[in-house]
Amino acid sequence: MWYVMQVASGREGHTVLLIERILSQGILENCFVPMRRMKKKYEGRWQEVKEKLFPGYVFLISEQPQLLYDELKQIPALTKLLGSCEEYFTPLSEKDTEFLMKLQSIQNIKDEEKDIGAATVGLSKVAVGENQRIKIISGPLKNLEGQIKKINLHKRIAVVEAEFMGNKSLVHLGIEIVDEAAPKCC
């Protein structure tokens, strides 16, 4: 089951390290901060950067919620366990978990660059055709075409509307513009 913990923004990585160090072995299957790859223009050149997908949140996977809850209370960086009462906290819904899995379907939870506790949502490749018609070639947006509300080609961002954690949220994902006519490699 997946759980969400709210922490001070900017302290997500530190919190993941603290959790991995303090929690007893076997309680936690995984602990991560969802990230997204984006394209940003610096000094006239497009560069790839990584940003937090949900700033201020750490995601945990565990099949032992009561033990997890009891041990997480020892973490000083903890602000709030989402869905928590006095004695327990509730997992993400199956729909929320599926949404995150769709976004991250192209990479493992522990990203190949050995980021500490990061799960990375890659760039989606899009082609721009006649009359500015946009076609999703590959990437996480391929699974979310019906939920795309806006694509900003100038900023290389797609805005996706999703029901997440009980609220409608706008999630910004990175896009890479490719020439559809270019030969496909490999």
C-alpha atoms as a PDB file:
ATOM      1  CA  MET A   1       0.000   0.000   0.000  1.00  0.00           C
ATOM      2  CA  TRP A   2       1.135   3.542  -0.767  1.00  0.00           C
ATOM      3  CA  TYR A   3       1.048   6.344   1.802  1.00  0.00           C
ATOM      4  CA  VAL A   4       1.808  10.061   1.643  1.00  0.00           C
ATOM      5  CA  MET A   5       3.582  12.167   4.222  1.00  0.00           C
ATOM      6  CA  GLN A   6       3.682  15.972   4.173  1.00  0.00           C
ATOM      7  CA  VAL A   7       7.042  17.517   5.048  1.00  0.00           C
ATOM      8  CA  ALA A   8       8.620  20.958   4.888  1.00  0.00           C
ATOM      9  CA  SER A   9       9.163  21.922   1.257  1.00  0.00           C
ATOM     10  CA  GLY A  10      12.833  21.603   0.359  1.00  0.00           C
ATOM     11  CA  ARG A  11      13.406  18.920   3.022  1.00  0.00           C
ATOM     12  CA  GLU A  12      12.003  15.962   1.088  1.00  0.00           C
ATOM     13  CA  GLY A  13      15.371  14.318   0.298  1.00  0.00           C
ATOM     14  CA  HIS A  14      16.601  14.796   3.857  1.00  0.00           C
ATOM     15  CA  THR A  15      13.374  13.260   5.171  1.00  0.00           C
ATOM     16  CA  VAL A  16      13.764  10.208   2.914  1.00  0.00           C
ATOM     17  CA  LEU A  17      17.302   9.656   4.262  1.00  0.00           C
ATOM     18  CA  LEU A  18      16.065  10.041   7.834  1.00  0.00           C
ATOM     19  CA  ILE A  19      13.217   7.578   7.290  1.00  0.00           C
ATOM     20  CA  GLU A  20      15.487   4.998   5.680  1.00  0.00           C
ATOM     21  CA  ARG A  21      17.943   5.320   8.569  1.00  0.00           C
ATOM     22  CA  ILE A  22      15.449   5.306  11.472  1.00  0.00           C
ATOM     23  CA  LEU A  23      12.770   2.787  10.439  1.00  0.00           C
ATOM     24  CA  SER A  24      13.267  -0.859  11.351  1.00  0.00           C
ATOM     25  CA  GLN A  25      14.236  -3.127   8.493  1.00  0.00           C
ATOM     26  CA  GLY A  26      11.341  -4.842   6.747  1.00  0.00           C
ATOM     27  CA  ILE A  27       8.681  -2.231   7.534  1.00  0.00           C
ATOM     28  CA  LEU A  28       9.257  -0.042   4.532  1.00  0.00           C
ATOM     29  CA  GLU A  29       9.255  -1.393   0.990  1.00  0.00           C
ATOM     30  CA  ASN A  30      10.151   1.977  -0.535  1.00  0.00           C
ATOM     31  CA  CYS A  31      10.289   5.681   0.242  1.00  0.00           C
ATOM     32  CA  PHE A  32      10.597   8.281  -2.528  1.00  0.00           C
ATOM     33  CA  VAL A  33       9.945  11.800  -3.782  1.00  0.00           C
ATOM     34  CA  PRO A  34       8.275  11.860  -7.220  1.00  0.00           C
ATOM     35  CA  MET A  35      10.289  13.966  -9.664  1.00  0.00           C
ATOM     36  CA  ARG A  36       9.648  15.109 -13.227  1.00  0.00           C
ATOM     37  CA  ARG A  37      12.008  15.813 -16.077  1.00  0.00           C
ATOM     38  CA  MET A  38      11.452  19.198 -17.711  1.00  0.00           C
ATOM     39  CA  LYS A  39      13.038  21.263 -20.451  1.00  0.00           C
ATOM     40  CA  LYS A  40      14.121  24.804 -19.503  1.00  0.00           C
ATOM     41  CA  LYS A  41      15.844  27.370 -21.650  1.00  0.00           C
ATOM     42  CA  TYR A  42      19.068  28.776 -20.189  1.00  0.00           C
ATOM     43  CA  GLU A  43      21.323  31.115 -22.130  1.00  0.00           C
ATOM     44  CA  GLY A  44      19.494  30.336 -25.372  1.00  0.00           C
ATOM     45  CA  ARG A  45      19.793  26.533 -25.063  1.00  0.00           C
ATOM     46  CA  TRP A  46      17.214  23.973 -23.951  1.00  0.00           C
ATOM     47  CA  GLN A  47      18.497  21.996 -20.984  1.00  0.00           C
ATOM     48  CA  GLU A  48      16.939  19.068 -19.154  1.00  0.00           C
ATOM     49  CA  VAL A  49      16.278  19.607 -15.446  1.00  0.00           C
ATOM     50  CA  LYS A  50      14.552  17.653 -12.683  1.00  0.00           C
ATOM     51  CA  GLU A  51      11.911  19.171 -10.434  1.00  0.00           C
ATOM     52  CA  LYS A  52       9.676  17.818  -7.687  1.00  0.00           C
ATOM     53  CA  LEU A  53       6.328  16.647  -9.020  1.00  0.00           C
ATOM     54  CA  PHE A  54       4.601  17.229  -5.646  1.00  0.00           C
ATOM     55  CA  PRO A  55       6.760  19.607  -3.560  1.00  0.00           C
ATOM     56  CA  GLY A  56       6.450  18.995   0.177  1.00  0.00           C
ATOM     57  CA  TYR A  57       5.423  15.334  -0.059  1.00  0.00           C
ATOM     58  CA  VAL A  58       7.209  12.028   0.505  1.00  0.00           C
ATOM     59  CA  PHE A  59       5.626   8.776  -0.682  1.00  0.00           C
ATOM     60  CA  LEU A  60       5.988   5.509   1.237  1.00  0.00           C
ATOM     61  CA  ILE A  61       5.190   1.925   0.270  1.00  0.00           C
ATOM     62  CA  SER A  62       4.562  -0.589   3.038  1.00  0.00           C
ATOM     63  CA  GLU A  63       2.420  -3.619   3.786  1.00  0.00           C
ATOM     64  CA  GLN A  64       2.651  -2.984   7.543  1.00  0.00           C
ATOM     65  CA  PRO A  65       0.702   0.258   8.116  1.00  0.00           C
ATOM     66  CA  GLN A  66       0.450   0.085  11.911  1.00  0.00           C
ATOM     67  CA  LEU A  67       4.198  -0.524  12.414  1.00  0.00           C
ATOM     68  CA  LEU A  68       4.974   2.143   9.816  1.00  0.00           C
ATOM     69  CA  TYR A  69       2.693   4.637  11.551  1.00  0.00           C
ATOM     70  CA  ASP A  70       4.182   3.920  14.982  1.00  0.00           C
ATOM     71  CA  GLU A  71       7.777   4.329  13.796  1.00  0.00           C
ATOM     72  CA  LEU A  72       7.091   7.396  11.646  1.00  0.00           C
ATOM     73  CA  LYS A  73       6.009   9.292  14.761  1.00  0.00           C
ATOM     74  CA  GLN A  74       9.733   9.299  15.738  1.00  0.00           C
ATOM     75  CA  ILE A  75      10.719  11.288  12.625  1.00  0.00           C
ATOM     76  CA  PRO A  76      11.335  14.937  13.591  1.00  0.00           C
ATOM     77  CA  ALA A  77      10.895  16.170   9.990  1.00  0.00           C
ATOM     78  CA  LEU A  78       7.367  14.787   9.811  1.00  0.00           C
ATOM     79  CA  THR A  79       4.709  17.438   9.373  1.00  0.00           C
ATOM     80  CA  LYS A  80       1.627  15.362   8.677  1.00  0.00           C
ATOM     81  CA  LEU A  81       0.623  11.901   7.541  1.00  0.00           C
ATOM     82  CA  LEU A  82      -2.126  12.389   4.990  1.00  0.00           C
ATOM     83  CA  GLY A  83      -5.357  10.665   5.860  1.00  0.00           C
ATOM     84  CA  SER A  84      -4.289  10.174   9.481  1.00  0.00           C
ATOM     85  CA  CYS A  85      -6.402  10.069  12.585  1.00  0.00           C
ATOM     86  CA  GLU A  86      -5.102   9.652  16.113  1.00  0.00           C
ATOM     87  CA  GLU A  87      -4.321   5.963  15.670  1.00  0.00           C
ATOM     88  CA  TYR A  88      -3.755   5.265  11.967  1.00  0.00           C
ATOM     89  CA  PHE A  89      -3.410   6.725   8.489  1.00  0.00           C
ATOM     90  CA  THR A  90      -5.023   5.661   5.253  1.00  0.00           C
ATOM     91  CA  PRO A  91      -3.310   4.518   2.065  1.00  0.00           C
ATOM     92  CA  LEU A  92      -3.613   6.233  -1.296  1.00  0.00           C
ATOM     93  CA  SER A  93      -6.604   5.011  -3.224  1.00  0.00           C
ATOM     94  CA  GLU A  94      -6.074   2.412  -5.920  1.00  0.00           C
ATOM     95  CA  LYS A  95      -6.935   5.103  -8.503  1.00  0.00           C
ATOM     96  CA  ASP A  96      -4.215   7.440  -7.125  1.00  0.00           C
ATOM     97  CA  THR A  97      -1.648   4.639  -7.085  1.00  0.00           C
ATOM     98  CA  GLU A  98      -2.515   3.699 -10.678  1.00  0.00           C
ATOM     99  CA  PHE A  99      -2.128   7.347 -11.737  1.00  0.00           C
ATOM    100  CA  LEU A 100       1.376   7.521 -10.240  1.00  0.00           C
ATOM    101  CA  MET A 101       2.302   4.165 -11.751  1.00  0.00           C
ATOM    102  CA  LYS A 102       1.186   5.377 -15.209  1.00  0.00           C
ATOM    103  CA  LEU A 103       3.349   8.467 -14.889  1.00  0.00           C
ATOM    104  CA  GLN A 104       6.357   6.451 -13.787  1.00  0.00           C
ATOM    105  CA  SER A 105       5.813   3.445 -16.032  1.00  0.00           C
ATOM    106  CA  ILE A 106       8.971   4.161 -17.979  1.00  0.00           C
ATOM    107  CA  GLN A 107      11.370   4.146 -15.023  1.00  0.00           C
ATOM    108  CA  ASN A 108      11.881   2.209 -11.841  1.00  0.00           C
ATOM    109  CA  ILE A 109      11.030   3.739  -8.468  1.00  0.00           C
ATOM    110  CA  LYS A 110      14.748   4.033  -7.748  1.00  0.00           C
ATOM    111  CA  ASP A 111      15.920   5.945 -10.770  1.00  0.00           C
ATOM    112  CA  GLU A 112      18.987   4.768 -12.688  1.00  0.00           C
ATOM    113  CA  GLU A 113      20.936   7.884 -11.718  1.00  0.00           C
ATOM    114  CA  LYS A 114      20.932   6.701  -8.096  1.00  0.00           C
ATOM    115  CA  ASP A 115      18.966   9.688  -6.822  1.00  0.00           C
ATOM    116  CA  ILE A 116      18.105   9.200  -3.188  1.00  0.00           C
ATOM    117  CA  GLY A 117      14.493   8.186  -2.965  1.00  0.00           C
ATOM    118  CA  ALA A 118      13.455   9.634  -6.307  1.00  0.00           C
ATOM    119  CA  ALA A 119      10.913   8.321  -8.769  1.00  0.00           C
ATOM    120  CA  THR A 120      11.200  10.183 -12.034  1.00  0.00           C
ATOM    121  CA  VAL A 121       8.525  10.956 -14.608  1.00  0.00           C
ATOM    122  CA  GLY A 122      10.235  11.259 -17.979  1.00  0.00           C
ATOM    123  CA  LEU A 123       9.653  13.648 -20.835  1.00  0.00           C
ATOM    124  CA  SER A 124       6.925  12.910 -23.359  1.00  0.00           C
ATOM    125  CA  LYS A 125       7.852  13.254 -27.004  1.00  0.00           C
ATOM    126  CA  VAL A 126       5.377  15.273 -29.050  1.00  0.00           C
ATOM    127  CA  ALA A 127       5.240  16.176 -32.728  1.00  0.00           C
ATOM    128  CA  VAL A 128       3.640  19.359 -34.020  1.00  0.00           C
ATOM    129  CA  GLY A 129       1.862  18.905 -37.325  1.00  0.00           C
ATOM    130  CA  GLU A 130      -0.130  21.115 -39.648  1.00  0.00           C
ATOM    131  CA  ASN A 131      -2.297  23.776 -37.978  1.00  0.00           C
ATOM    132  CA  GLN A 132      -0.352  23.281 -34.711  1.00  0.00           C
ATOM    133  CA  ARG A 133      -1.964  19.854 -34.278  1.00  0.00           C
ATOM    134  CA  ILE A 134      -0.077  18.002 -31.540  1.00  0.00           C
ATOM    135  CA  LYS A 135       0.519  14.264 -31.540  1.00  0.00           C
ATOM    136  CA  ILE A 136       1.872  12.426 -28.495  1.00  0.00           C
ATOM    137  CA  ILE A 137       4.602  10.084 -29.757  1.00  0.00           C
ATOM    138  CA  SER A 138       5.741   8.489 -26.486  1.00  0.00           C
ATOM    139  CA  GLY A 139       6.146   8.977 -22.747  1.00  0.00           C
ATOM    140  CA  PRO A 140       3.782   9.329 -19.802  1.00  0.00           C
ATOM    141  CA  LEU A 141       1.359  11.607 -21.671  1.00  0.00           C
ATOM    142  CA  LYS A 142       0.605   8.746 -24.076  1.00  0.00           C
ATOM    143  CA  ASN A 143      -1.518   7.181 -21.308  1.00  0.00           C
ATOM    144  CA  LEU A 144      -3.186  10.488 -20.330  1.00  0.00           C
ATOM    145  CA  GLU A 145      -4.348  11.995 -23.617  1.00  0.00           C
ATOM    146  CA  GLY A 146      -7.932  12.519 -22.418  1.00  0.00           C
ATOM    147  CA  GLN A 147      -6.744  14.400 -19.343  1.00  0.00           C
ATOM    148  CA  ILE A 148      -4.436  16.906 -21.086  1.00  0.00           C
ATOM    149  CA  LYS A 149      -5.890  20.377 -20.571  1.00  0.00           C
ATOM    150  CA  LYS A 150      -3.189  22.493 -22.176  1.00  0.00           C
ATOM    151  CA  ILE A 151       0.135  22.173 -23.943  1.00  0.00           C
ATOM    152  CA  ASN A 152       2.484  25.144 -23.877  1.00  0.00           C
ATOM    153  CA  LEU A 153       4.978  24.535 -26.682  1.00  0.00           C
ATOM    154  CA  HIS A 154       6.951  27.681 -25.839  1.00  0.00           C
ATOM    155  CA  LYS A 155       7.644  26.490 -22.269  1.00  0.00           C
ATOM    156  CA  ARG A 156       7.674  22.757 -23.175  1.00  0.00           C
ATOM    157  CA  ILE A 157       4.987  21.932 -20.582  1.00  0.00           C
ATOM    158  CA  ALA A 158       1.806  19.868 -20.701  1.00  0.00           C
ATOM    159  CA  VAL A 159      -0.858  20.485 -18.066  1.00  0.00           C
ATOM    160  CA  VAL A 160      -2.777  17.374 -17.051  1.00  0.00           C
ATOM    161  CA  GLU A 161      -5.911  17.470 -14.915  1.00  0.00           C
ATOM    162  CA  ALA A 162      -6.166  14.517 -12.569  1.00  0.00           C
ATOM    163  CA  GLU A 163      -8.194  13.479  -9.569  1.00  0.00           C
ATOM    164  CA  PHE A 164      -5.441  12.908  -7.002  1.00  0.00           C
ATOM    165  CA  MET A 165      -5.663  12.521  -3.225  1.00  0.00           C
ATOM    166  CA  GLY A 166      -9.337  13.438  -3.286  1.00  0.00           C
ATOM    167  CA  ASN A 167      -8.893  16.707  -5.202  1.00  0.00           C
ATOM    168  CA  LYS A 168      -8.745  17.756  -8.822  1.00  0.00           C
ATOM    169  CA  SER A 169      -5.132  18.703  -9.411  1.00  0.00           C
ATOM    170  CA  LEU A 170      -3.238  20.205 -12.297  1.00  0.00           C
ATOM    171  CA  VAL A 171       0.019  18.326 -12.849  1.00  0.00           C
ATOM    172  CA  HIS A 172       2.703  19.903 -15.033  1.00  0.00           C
ATOM    173  CA  LEU A 173       4.777  17.472 -17.097  1.00  0.00           C
ATOM    174  CA  GLY A 174       7.683  18.065 -19.432  1.00  0.00           C
ATOM    175  CA  ILE A 175       7.536  17.610 -23.185  1.00  0.00           C
ATOM    176  CA  GLU A 176      10.166  17.344 -25.873  1.00  0.00           C
ATOM    177  CA  ILE A 177       9.272  18.438 -29.391  1.00  0.00           C
ATOM    178  CA  VAL A 178      10.468  16.005 -32.046  1.00  0.00           C
ATOM    179  CA  ASP A 179      10.223  15.980 -35.826  1.00  0.00           C
ATOM    180  CA  GLU A 180       7.667  13.298 -36.618  1.00  0.00           C
ATOM    181  CA  ALA A 181       9.154  12.824 -40.079  1.00  0.00           C
ATOM    182  CA  ALA A 182      12.576  11.980 -38.644  1.00  0.00           C
ATOM    183  CA  PRO A 183      13.528   8.301 -38.906  1.00  0.00           C
ATOM    184  CA  LYS A 184      12.931   6.331 -35.744  1.00  0.00           C
ATOM    185  CA  CYS A 185      16.048   4.907 -34.168  1.00  0.00           C
ATOM    186  CA  CYS A 186      16.425   1.548 -32.440  1.00  0.00           C
END
